[in-house]
Amino acid sequence: MNPYLAEFIGTAILILLGNGVVANVVLNRSKGQNGGWMVITAGWGLGVAFAVYSVGRISGAHINPAVTLGLASIGDFGWDLVPGYIAAQVAGAAAGATLVWLTYLAHWAETPDEGGKLACFSTSPAIPNNTAAFITEFIGTAMLVFGVLAIGSIAKGIPDTTTAEAIPASLVGIVANWWSPLLVGLLVVSLGLSLGGPTGYAINPARDLGPRIAHQLLPIAGKGSSNWSYAWIPIIAPIVGGIAGAQLHRLLIP
């Protein structure tokens, strides 16, 4: 499979399962309504793990522009591949959000809360403070990329069985072991439980931008604003944070 297609599919799976659990908890008359933050973070973590299991051997399962740019910044991924990866990730995220919309098609009109419906697609801060939100997203994404590379460093020395030459050695270790994608998923659960409260922990520009575009374009009953004035924060802060996390890991493990 083409690695760009793999990134598209992997990110679509991530959003289908991640935003899907949000919709299950938030939308009226869903059987999972009011399931709470524990359910949401668990759903996101399992969604990440399954996405990595699905496409990791093909593309490295970045499924996140912050990961792609972080790896490129430390020389573990080719800059020539970055634009294609990011485009595939954003498109895949929009596709996954569209599948969530279709899955819960009967529930949008039953839910009057415009903010709740937007939460099924993109993030918003619990307290409207752009500076605080930027800091939160920066820290969360730095921890994400640092943690992913830390998990990968444990698995170094495992033979590379992948056919995708562009995959960095650190991520080969992640996808070579059955348990490593699960650890990445648990990392996402940990981030959500510890750092996700202020902003909903986008920690992924594609995860926020693709679904926000879908929210803007789809005929969602009573959807309200897509809140584009906030949209730059879950794009820029994760990019800067991802690069910082990768650089920090490189300082510790050259």
C-alpha atoms as a PDB file:
ATOM      1  CA  MET A   1       0.000   0.000   0.000  1.00  0.00           C
ATOM      2  CA  ASN A   2       1.148   3.541  -0.717  1.00  0.00           C
ATOM      3  CA  PRO A   3       2.278   5.183   2.568  1.00  0.00           C
ATOM      4  CA  TYR A   4       0.191   8.290   1.801  1.00  0.00           C
ATOM      5  CA  LEU A   5      -2.912   6.137   1.453  1.00  0.00           C
ATOM      6  CA  ALA A   6      -1.957   4.386   4.686  1.00  0.00           C
ATOM      7  CA  GLU A   7      -1.755   7.733   6.483  1.00  0.00           C
ATOM      8  CA  PHE A   8      -5.162   8.675   5.065  1.00  0.00           C
ATOM      9  CA  ILE A   9      -6.724   5.417   6.260  1.00  0.00           C
ATOM     10  CA  GLY A  10      -4.945   5.428   9.617  1.00  0.00           C
ATOM     11  CA  THR A  11      -6.028   8.984  10.416  1.00  0.00           C
ATOM     12  CA  ALA A  12      -9.575   8.236   9.278  1.00  0.00           C
ATOM     13  CA  ILE A  13      -9.671   5.276  11.687  1.00  0.00           C
ATOM     14  CA  LEU A  14      -8.298   7.466  14.470  1.00  0.00           C
ATOM     15  CA  ILE A  15     -11.016  10.087  13.987  1.00  0.00           C
ATOM     16  CA  LEU A  16     -13.830   7.604  13.424  1.00  0.00           C
ATOM     17  CA  LEU A  17     -13.109   5.915  16.753  1.00  0.00           C
ATOM     18  CA  GLY A  18     -11.928   9.020  18.639  1.00  0.00           C
ATOM     19  CA  ASN A  19     -14.606  11.486  17.610  1.00  0.00           C
ATOM     20  CA  GLY A  20     -17.039   8.595  17.584  1.00  0.00           C
ATOM     21  CA  VAL A  21     -16.645   8.094  21.330  1.00  0.00           C
ATOM     22  CA  VAL A  22     -17.184  11.832  21.878  1.00  0.00           C
ATOM     23  CA  ALA A  23     -20.420  11.658  19.882  1.00  0.00           C
ATOM     24  CA  ASN A  24     -21.493   8.587  21.835  1.00  0.00           C
ATOM     25  CA  VAL A  25     -21.051  10.435  25.135  1.00  0.00           C
ATOM     26  CA  VAL A  26     -22.306  13.892  24.089  1.00  0.00           C
ATOM     27  CA  LEU A  27     -25.230  13.437  21.708  1.00  0.00           C
ATOM     28  CA  ASN A  28     -28.757  13.102  23.019  1.00  0.00           C
ATOM     29  CA  ARG A  29     -30.414   9.698  23.078  1.00  0.00           C
ATOM     30  CA  SER A  30     -27.176   7.881  22.373  1.00  0.00           C
ATOM     31  CA  LYS A  31     -26.835   4.736  24.456  1.00  0.00           C
ATOM     32  CA  GLY A  32     -23.492   6.025  25.716  1.00  0.00           C
ATOM     33  CA  GLN A  33     -24.751   9.495  26.638  1.00  0.00           C
ATOM     34  CA  ASN A  34     -23.131  11.001  29.755  1.00  0.00           C
ATOM     35  CA  GLY A  35     -20.485   8.279  29.804  1.00  0.00           C
ATOM     36  CA  GLY A  36     -17.949  10.823  31.011  1.00  0.00           C
ATOM     37  CA  TRP A  37     -14.331  11.789  30.480  1.00  0.00           C
ATOM     38  CA  MET A  38     -12.950   8.343  31.341  1.00  0.00           C
ATOM     39  CA  VAL A  39     -14.935   6.826  28.478  1.00  0.00           C
ATOM     40  CA  ILE A  40     -13.757   9.533  26.079  1.00  0.00           C
ATOM     41  CA  THR A  41     -10.077   9.165  26.953  1.00  0.00           C
ATOM     42  CA  ALA A  42     -10.267   5.380  26.787  1.00  0.00           C
ATOM     43  CA  GLY A  43     -11.974   5.557  23.394  1.00  0.00           C
ATOM     44  CA  TRP A  44      -9.314   7.912  22.041  1.00  0.00           C
ATOM     45  CA  GLY A  45      -6.471   5.766  23.352  1.00  0.00           C
ATOM     46  CA  LEU A  46      -7.886   2.582  21.853  1.00  0.00           C
ATOM     47  CA  GLY A  47      -8.545   4.423  18.604  1.00  0.00           C
ATOM     48  CA  VAL A  48      -4.904   5.510  18.408  1.00  0.00           C
ATOM     49  CA  ALA A  49      -3.695   1.982  19.178  1.00  0.00           C
ATOM     50  CA  PHE A  50      -5.884   0.392  16.515  1.00  0.00           C
ATOM     51  CA  ALA A  51      -4.870   2.989  13.928  1.00  0.00           C
ATOM     52  CA  VAL A  52      -1.187   2.265  14.608  1.00  0.00           C
ATOM     53  CA  TYR A  53      -1.794  -1.492  14.413  1.00  0.00           C
ATOM     54  CA  SER A  54      -3.611  -0.990  11.110  1.00  0.00           C
ATOM     55  CA  VAL A  55      -1.068   1.029   9.117  1.00  0.00           C
ATOM     56  CA  GLY A  56       2.123   1.174  11.166  1.00  0.00           C
ATOM     57  CA  ARG A  57       4.069  -1.281   9.019  1.00  0.00           C
ATOM     58  CA  ILE A  58       3.179   0.652   5.888  1.00  0.00           C
ATOM     59  CA  SER A  59       3.694   4.310   6.764  1.00  0.00           C
ATOM     60  CA  GLY A  60       4.970   4.363  10.335  1.00  0.00           C
ATOM     61  CA  ALA A  61       1.503   5.444  11.466  1.00  0.00           C
ATOM     62  CA  HIS A  62       2.335   9.080  12.130  1.00  0.00           C
ATOM     63  CA  ILE A  63      -1.397   9.954  11.801  1.00  0.00           C
ATOM     64  CA  ASN A  64      -0.444  13.387  13.140  1.00  0.00           C
ATOM     65  CA  PRO A  65       1.402  16.282  11.456  1.00  0.00           C
ATOM     66  CA  ALA A  66       3.068  17.103  14.775  1.00  0.00           C
ATOM     67  CA  VAL A  67       4.683  13.658  14.757  1.00  0.00           C
ATOM     68  CA  THR A  68       5.674  13.986  11.101  1.00  0.00           C
ATOM     69  CA  LEU A  69       7.245  17.411  11.594  1.00  0.00           C
ATOM     70  CA  GLY A  70       8.865  16.414  14.876  1.00  0.00           C
ATOM     71  CA  LEU A  71      10.556  13.422  13.254  1.00  0.00           C
ATOM     72  CA  ALA A  72      11.643  15.496  10.261  1.00  0.00           C
ATOM     73  CA  SER A  73      13.132  18.123  12.572  1.00  0.00           C
ATOM     74  CA  ILE A  74      15.528  15.552  14.083  1.00  0.00           C
ATOM     75  CA  GLY A  75      16.393  13.930  10.762  1.00  0.00           C
ATOM     76  CA  ASP A  76      14.352  10.748  11.275  1.00  0.00           C
ATOM     77  CA  PHE A  77      11.975  11.468   8.393  1.00  0.00           C
ATOM     78  CA  GLY A  78      12.482  12.963   4.949  1.00  0.00           C
ATOM     79  CA  TRP A  79      11.311  16.534   4.453  1.00  0.00           C
ATOM     80  CA  ASP A  80      10.302  15.662   0.887  1.00  0.00           C
ATOM     81  CA  LEU A  81       7.629  13.327   2.278  1.00  0.00           C
ATOM     82  CA  VAL A  82       6.228  15.800   4.815  1.00  0.00           C
ATOM     83  CA  PRO A  83       3.729  17.655   2.546  1.00  0.00           C
ATOM     84  CA  GLY A  84       2.183  14.420   1.279  1.00  0.00           C
ATOM     85  CA  TYR A  85       1.903  12.951   4.751  1.00  0.00           C
ATOM     86  CA  ILE A  86       0.245  16.067   6.171  1.00  0.00           C
ATOM     87  CA  ALA A  87      -2.191  16.348   3.256  1.00  0.00           C
ATOM     88  CA  ALA A  88      -3.157  12.686   3.673  1.00  0.00           C
ATOM     89  CA  GLN A  89      -3.621  13.111   7.421  1.00  0.00           C
ATOM     90  CA  VAL A  90      -5.890  16.152   7.107  1.00  0.00           C
ATOM     91  CA  ALA A  91      -7.951  14.507   4.361  1.00  0.00           C
ATOM     92  CA  GLY A  92      -8.206  11.293   6.361  1.00  0.00           C
ATOM     93  CA  ALA A  93      -9.340  13.207   9.435  1.00  0.00           C
ATOM     94  CA  ALA A  94     -12.088  14.915   7.418  1.00  0.00           C
ATOM     95  CA  ALA A  95     -13.170  11.533   6.045  1.00  0.00           C
ATOM     96  CA  GLY A  96     -13.251   9.994   9.519  1.00  0.00           C
ATOM     97  CA  ALA A  97     -15.343  12.903  10.813  1.00  0.00           C
ATOM     98  CA  THR A  98     -17.776  12.409   7.948  1.00  0.00           C
ATOM     99  CA  LEU A  99     -18.162   8.758   8.965  1.00  0.00           C
ATOM    100  CA  VAL A 100     -18.925   9.865  12.530  1.00  0.00           C
ATOM    101  CA  TRP A 101     -21.591  12.215  11.167  1.00  0.00           C
ATOM    102  CA  LEU A 102     -23.156   9.358   9.201  1.00  0.00           C
ATOM    103  CA  THR A 103     -22.972   6.951  12.138  1.00  0.00           C
ATOM    104  CA  TYR A 104     -24.876   9.354  14.404  1.00  0.00           C
ATOM    105  CA  LEU A 105     -27.092  10.762  11.662  1.00  0.00           C
ATOM    106  CA  ALA A 106     -30.312  10.450  13.670  1.00  0.00           C
ATOM    107  CA  HIS A 107     -28.863  12.180  16.748  1.00  0.00           C
ATOM    108  CA  TRP A 108     -27.803  15.624  15.528  1.00  0.00           C
ATOM    109  CA  ALA A 109     -31.334  17.001  15.347  1.00  0.00           C
ATOM    110  CA  GLU A 110     -32.041  15.508  18.790  1.00  0.00           C
ATOM    111  CA  THR A 111     -29.176  17.513  20.330  1.00  0.00           C
ATOM    112  CA  PRO A 112     -29.779  21.268  20.744  1.00  0.00           C
ATOM    113  CA  ASP A 113     -26.327  22.000  22.188  1.00  0.00           C
ATOM    114  CA  GLU A 114     -24.281  23.569  19.367  1.00  0.00           C
ATOM    115  CA  GLY A 115     -21.061  23.381  21.383  1.00  0.00           C
ATOM    116  CA  GLY A 116     -21.627  19.711  22.081  1.00  0.00           C
ATOM    117  CA  LYS A 117     -22.075  19.000  18.406  1.00  0.00           C
ATOM    118  CA  LEU A 118     -18.879  20.867  17.550  1.00  0.00           C
ATOM    119  CA  ALA A 119     -17.074  18.819  20.230  1.00  0.00           C
ATOM    120  CA  CYS A 120     -17.904  15.708  18.199  1.00  0.00           C
ATOM    121  CA  PHE A 121     -15.670  17.176  15.487  1.00  0.00           C
ATOM    122  CA  SER A 122     -13.106  19.614  16.914  1.00  0.00           C
ATOM    123  CA  THR A 123     -11.785  20.967  20.186  1.00  0.00           C
ATOM    124  CA  SER A 124     -12.592  24.105  22.160  1.00  0.00           C
ATOM    125  CA  PRO A 125     -11.125  25.459  25.397  1.00  0.00           C
ATOM    126  CA  ALA A 126     -13.021  24.955  28.640  1.00  0.00           C
ATOM    127  CA  ILE A 127     -12.068  28.527  29.579  1.00  0.00           C
ATOM    128  CA  PRO A 128     -11.686  30.954  26.643  1.00  0.00           C
ATOM    129  CA  ASN A 129      -8.059  32.006  27.066  1.00  0.00           C
ATOM    130  CA  ASN A 130      -5.927  31.640  23.951  1.00  0.00           C
ATOM    131  CA  THR A 131      -2.605  32.006  25.751  1.00  0.00           C
ATOM    132  CA  ALA A 132      -3.456  29.308  28.281  1.00  0.00           C
ATOM    133  CA  ALA A 133      -4.857  27.049  25.559  1.00  0.00           C
ATOM    134  CA  PHE A 134      -1.704  27.430  23.467  1.00  0.00           C
ATOM    135  CA  ILE A 135       0.477  26.481  26.434  1.00  0.00           C
ATOM    136  CA  THR A 136      -1.698  23.440  27.172  1.00  0.00           C
ATOM    137  CA  GLU A 137      -1.578  22.179  23.595  1.00  0.00           C
ATOM    138  CA  PHE A 138       2.168  22.821  23.392  1.00  0.00           C
ATOM    139  CA  ILE A 139       2.902  20.823  26.547  1.00  0.00           C
ATOM    140  CA  GLY A 140       0.530  17.994  25.642  1.00  0.00           C
ATOM    141  CA  THR A 141       1.946  17.526  22.160  1.00  0.00           C
ATOM    142  CA  ALA A 142       5.541  17.761  23.338  1.00  0.00           C
ATOM    143  CA  MET A 143       4.769  14.989  25.814  1.00  0.00           C
ATOM    144  CA  LEU A 144       3.057  12.953  23.105  1.00  0.00           C
ATOM    145  CA  VAL A 145       5.969  13.061  20.664  1.00  0.00           C
ATOM    146  CA  PHE A 146       8.544  12.600  23.415  1.00  0.00           C
ATOM    147  CA  GLY A 147       6.589   9.593  24.702  1.00  0.00           C
ATOM    148  CA  VAL A 148       6.202   8.022  21.269  1.00  0.00           C
ATOM    149  CA  LEU A 149       9.935   8.301  20.659  1.00  0.00           C
ATOM    150  CA  ALA A 150      10.680   6.972  24.141  1.00  0.00           C
ATOM    151  CA  ILE A 151       8.553   3.893  23.469  1.00  0.00           C
ATOM    152  CA  GLY A 152      10.291   3.476  20.125  1.00  0.00           C
ATOM    153  CA  SER A 153      13.737   3.757  21.689  1.00  0.00           C
ATOM    154  CA  ILE A 154      13.001   0.768  23.941  1.00  0.00           C
ATOM    155  CA  ALA A 155      12.395  -1.377  20.872  1.00  0.00           C
ATOM    156  CA  LYS A 156      15.564  -0.401  19.006  1.00  0.00           C
ATOM    157  CA  GLY A 157      17.520  -3.314  17.669  1.00  0.00           C
ATOM    158  CA  ILE A 158      14.440  -5.207  16.505  1.00  0.00           C
ATOM    159  CA  PRO A 159      14.839  -6.187  12.822  1.00  0.00           C
ATOM    160  CA  ASP A 160      13.087  -3.925  10.341  1.00  0.00           C
ATOM    161  CA  THR A 161      10.385  -6.007   8.687  1.00  0.00           C
ATOM    162  CA  THR A 162       8.572  -3.119   7.081  1.00  0.00           C
ATOM    163  CA  THR A 163       8.573  -2.448   3.345  1.00  0.00           C
ATOM    164  CA  ALA A 164       8.287   1.323   3.725  1.00  0.00           C
ATOM    165  CA  GLU A 165      11.826   2.664   3.392  1.00  0.00           C
ATOM    166  CA  ALA A 166      10.824   6.123   4.647  1.00  0.00           C
ATOM    167  CA  ILE A 167       9.838   4.910   8.126  1.00  0.00           C
ATOM    168  CA  PRO A 168      12.346   6.157  10.729  1.00  0.00           C
ATOM    169  CA  ALA A 169      14.142   3.557  12.814  1.00  0.00           C
ATOM    170  CA  SER A 170      12.475   4.791  16.007  1.00  0.00           C
ATOM    171  CA  LEU A 171       9.010   4.044  14.635  1.00  0.00           C
ATOM    172  CA  VAL A 172      10.042   0.690  13.167  1.00  0.00           C
ATOM    173  CA  GLY A 173      10.483  -0.480  16.729  1.00  0.00           C
ATOM    174  CA  ILE A 174       7.013   0.720  17.646  1.00  0.00           C
ATOM    175  CA  VAL A 175       5.244  -1.173  14.883  1.00  0.00           C
ATOM    176  CA  ALA A 176       7.432  -4.281  15.155  1.00  0.00           C
ATOM    177  CA  ASN A 177       6.029  -5.284  18.548  1.00  0.00           C
ATOM    178  CA  TRP A 178       2.461  -6.160  19.251  1.00  0.00           C
ATOM    179  CA  TRP A 179       2.514  -4.286  22.554  1.00  0.00           C
ATOM    180  CA  SER A 180       4.055  -1.021  21.421  1.00  0.00           C
ATOM    181  CA  PRO A 181       0.959   0.414  19.655  1.00  0.00           C
ATOM    182  CA  LEU A 182      -0.997  -0.386  22.801  1.00  0.00           C
ATOM    183  CA  LEU A 183       1.549   1.567  24.848  1.00  0.00           C
ATOM    184  CA  VAL A 184       1.118   4.520  22.505  1.00  0.00           C
ATOM    185  CA  GLY A 185      -2.634   4.256  23.054  1.00  0.00           C
ATOM    186  CA  LEU A 186      -2.121   4.201  26.821  1.00  0.00           C
ATOM    187  CA  LEU A 187       0.079   7.285  26.480  1.00  0.00           C
ATOM    188  CA  VAL A 188      -2.850   9.064  24.802  1.00  0.00           C
ATOM    189  CA  VAL A 189      -5.164   7.942  27.621  1.00  0.00           C
ATOM    190  CA  SER A 190      -2.672   9.303  30.155  1.00  0.00           C
ATOM    191  CA  LEU A 191      -2.421  12.610  28.319  1.00  0.00           C
ATOM    192  CA  GLY A 192      -6.192  12.917  28.220  1.00  0.00           C
ATOM    193  CA  LEU A 193      -6.633  12.125  31.905  1.00  0.00           C
ATOM    194  CA  SER A 194      -3.822  14.420  33.047  1.00  0.00           C
ATOM    195  CA  LEU A 195      -3.682  17.258  30.510  1.00  0.00           C
ATOM    196  CA  GLY A 196      -6.870  17.069  28.466  1.00  0.00           C
ATOM    197  CA  GLY A 197      -9.219  19.105  30.659  1.00  0.00           C
ATOM    198  CA  PRO A 198      -8.344  22.652  29.557  1.00  0.00           C
ATOM    199  CA  THR A 199      -8.648  22.190  25.772  1.00  0.00           C
ATOM    200  CA  GLY A 200      -9.877  18.678  25.025  1.00  0.00           C
ATOM    201  CA  TYR A 201      -6.297  17.768  24.030  1.00  0.00           C
ATOM    202  CA  ALA A 202      -6.232  18.068  20.267  1.00  0.00           C
ATOM    203  CA  ILE A 203      -2.422  17.424  20.255  1.00  0.00           C
ATOM    204  CA  ASN A 204      -2.775  16.816  16.515  1.00  0.00           C
ATOM    205  CA  PRO A 205      -3.363  19.533  13.874  1.00  0.00           C
ATOM    206  CA  ALA A 206      -5.055  17.098  11.462  1.00  0.00           C
ATOM    207  CA  ARG A 207      -7.321  15.748  14.206  1.00  0.00           C
ATOM    208  CA  ASP A 208      -8.722  19.247  14.725  1.00  0.00           C
ATOM    209  CA  LEU A 209      -8.527  20.842  11.273  1.00  0.00           C
ATOM    210  CA  GLY A 210      -9.934  18.012   9.147  1.00  0.00           C
ATOM    211  CA  PRO A 211     -13.041  17.513  11.301  1.00  0.00           C
ATOM    212  CA  ARG A 212     -13.523  21.280  11.632  1.00  0.00           C
ATOM    213  CA  ILE A 213     -13.638  21.520   7.836  1.00  0.00           C
ATOM    214  CA  ALA A 214     -16.141  18.655   7.833  1.00  0.00           C
ATOM    215  CA  HIS A 215     -18.232  20.441  10.467  1.00  0.00           C
ATOM    216  CA  GLN A 216     -18.238  23.560   8.298  1.00  0.00           C
ATOM    217  CA  LEU A 217     -19.312  21.715   5.141  1.00  0.00           C
ATOM    218  CA  LEU A 218     -21.640  18.957   6.325  1.00  0.00           C
ATOM    219  CA  PRO A 219     -25.411  19.566   6.646  1.00  0.00           C
ATOM    220  CA  ILE A 220     -25.482  19.006  10.416  1.00  0.00           C
ATOM    221  CA  ALA A 221     -28.819  19.944  11.950  1.00  0.00           C
ATOM    222  CA  GLY A 222     -28.484  23.048  14.148  1.00  0.00           C
ATOM    223  CA  LYS A 223     -24.691  22.904  14.104  1.00  0.00           C
ATOM    224  CA  GLY A 224     -23.866  26.550  14.802  1.00  0.00           C
ATOM    225  CA  SER A 225     -20.408  28.060  14.367  1.00  0.00           C
ATOM    226  CA  SER A 226     -17.274  26.054  13.552  1.00  0.00           C
ATOM    227  CA  ASN A 227     -15.301  28.473  15.794  1.00  0.00           C
ATOM    228  CA  TRP A 228     -12.578  29.281  13.263  1.00  0.00           C
ATOM    229  CA  SER A 229     -11.233  32.071  15.484  1.00  0.00           C
ATOM    230  CA  TYR A 230      -9.833  29.371  17.787  1.00  0.00           C
ATOM    231  CA  ALA A 231      -8.747  26.948  15.065  1.00  0.00           C
ATOM    232  CA  TRP A 232      -5.174  28.249  14.746  1.00  0.00           C
ATOM    233  CA  ILE A 233      -4.266  27.167  18.280  1.00  0.00           C
ATOM    234  CA  PRO A 234      -4.762  23.386  17.833  1.00  0.00           C
ATOM    235  CA  ILE A 235      -2.788  23.711  14.589  1.00  0.00           C
ATOM    236  CA  ILE A 236       0.211  25.856  15.552  1.00  0.00           C
ATOM    237  CA  ALA A 237       0.691  24.847  19.198  1.00  0.00           C
ATOM    238  CA  PRO A 238       0.893  21.088  18.455  1.00  0.00           C
ATOM    239  CA  ILE A 239       3.349  21.694  15.608  1.00  0.00           C
ATOM    240  CA  VAL A 240       5.677  23.706  17.856  1.00  0.00           C
ATOM    241  CA  GLY A 241       5.159  21.299  20.740  1.00  0.00           C
ATOM    242  CA  GLY A 242       5.806  18.234  18.596  1.00  0.00           C
ATOM    243  CA  ILE A 243       9.087  19.654  17.343  1.00  0.00           C
ATOM    244  CA  ALA A 244      10.081  20.555  20.905  1.00  0.00           C
ATOM    245  CA  GLY A 245       9.276  17.047  22.155  1.00  0.00           C
ATOM    246  CA  ALA A 246      11.315  15.462  19.379  1.00  0.00           C
ATOM    247  CA  GLN A 247      14.251  17.783  20.025  1.00  0.00           C
ATOM    248  CA  LEU A 248      14.158  17.035  23.754  1.00  0.00           C
ATOM    249  CA  HIS A 249      14.214  13.310  23.101  1.00  0.00           C
ATOM    250  CA  ARG A 250      17.139  13.728  20.703  1.00  0.00           C
ATOM    251  CA  LEU A 251      19.053  15.626  23.414  1.00  0.00           C
ATOM    252  CA  LEU A 252      18.549  12.756  25.839  1.00  0.00           C
ATOM    253  CA  ILE A 253      19.135   9.952  23.323  1.00  0.00           C
ATOM    254  CA  PRO A 254      21.341  11.244  20.466  1.00  0.00           C
END
